């Protein structure tokens, strides 16, 4: 039970981190486009 819950939280955190990274990358691309 604990292991499955841990793996679920890990997967969720990975998706969240990848989403944040994607947003940061998009912002950087917009900055470069302005330059």
Protein backbone atom coordinates (compact mmCIF):
# COMPACT_ATOMS: atom_id res chain seq x y z
CA UNK A 1 0.00 0.00 0.00
CA UNK A 2 2.73 2.45 0.96
CA UNK A 3 4.87 1.52 -2.05
CA UNK A 4 2.03 2.09 -4.53
CA UNK A 5 1.20 5.41 -2.88
CA UNK A 6 4.86 6.44 -3.06
CA UNK A 7 5.14 5.51 -6.74
CA UNK A 8 1.96 7.49 -7.45
CA UNK A 9 3.32 10.57 -5.70
CA UNK A 10 6.64 10.16 -7.51
CA UNK A 11 4.89 9.96 -10.89
CA UNK A 12 2.77 13.02 -10.03
CA UNK A 13 5.82 15.03 -8.92
CA UNK A 14 7.67 14.05 -12.11
CA UNK A 15 4.75 15.22 -14.26
CA UNK A 16 4.55 18.46 -12.24
CA UNK A 17 8.30 19.10 -12.56
CA UNK A 18 8.25 18.41 -16.31
CA UNK A 19 5.30 20.81 -16.67
CA UNK A 20 7.14 23.56 -14.79
CA UNK A 21 10.27 22.95 -16.86
CA UNK A 22 8.17 23.19 -20.03
CA UNK A 23 6.74 26.55 -18.95
CA UNK A 24 10.22 27.89 -18.14
CA UNK A 25 11.52 26.69 -21.51
CA UNK A 26 8.62 28.38 -23.31
CA UNK A 27 9.30 31.64 -21.44
CA UNK A 28 12.97 31.44 -22.45
CA UNK A 29 11.96 30.89 -26.09
CA UNK A 30 9.71 33.96 -25.94
CA UNK A 31 12.60 36.00 -24.51
CA UNK A 32 14.87 34.89 -27.36
CA UNK A 33 12.17 35.72 -29.90
CA UNK A 34 11.96 39.28 -28.51
CA UNK A 35 15.72 39.64 -28.86
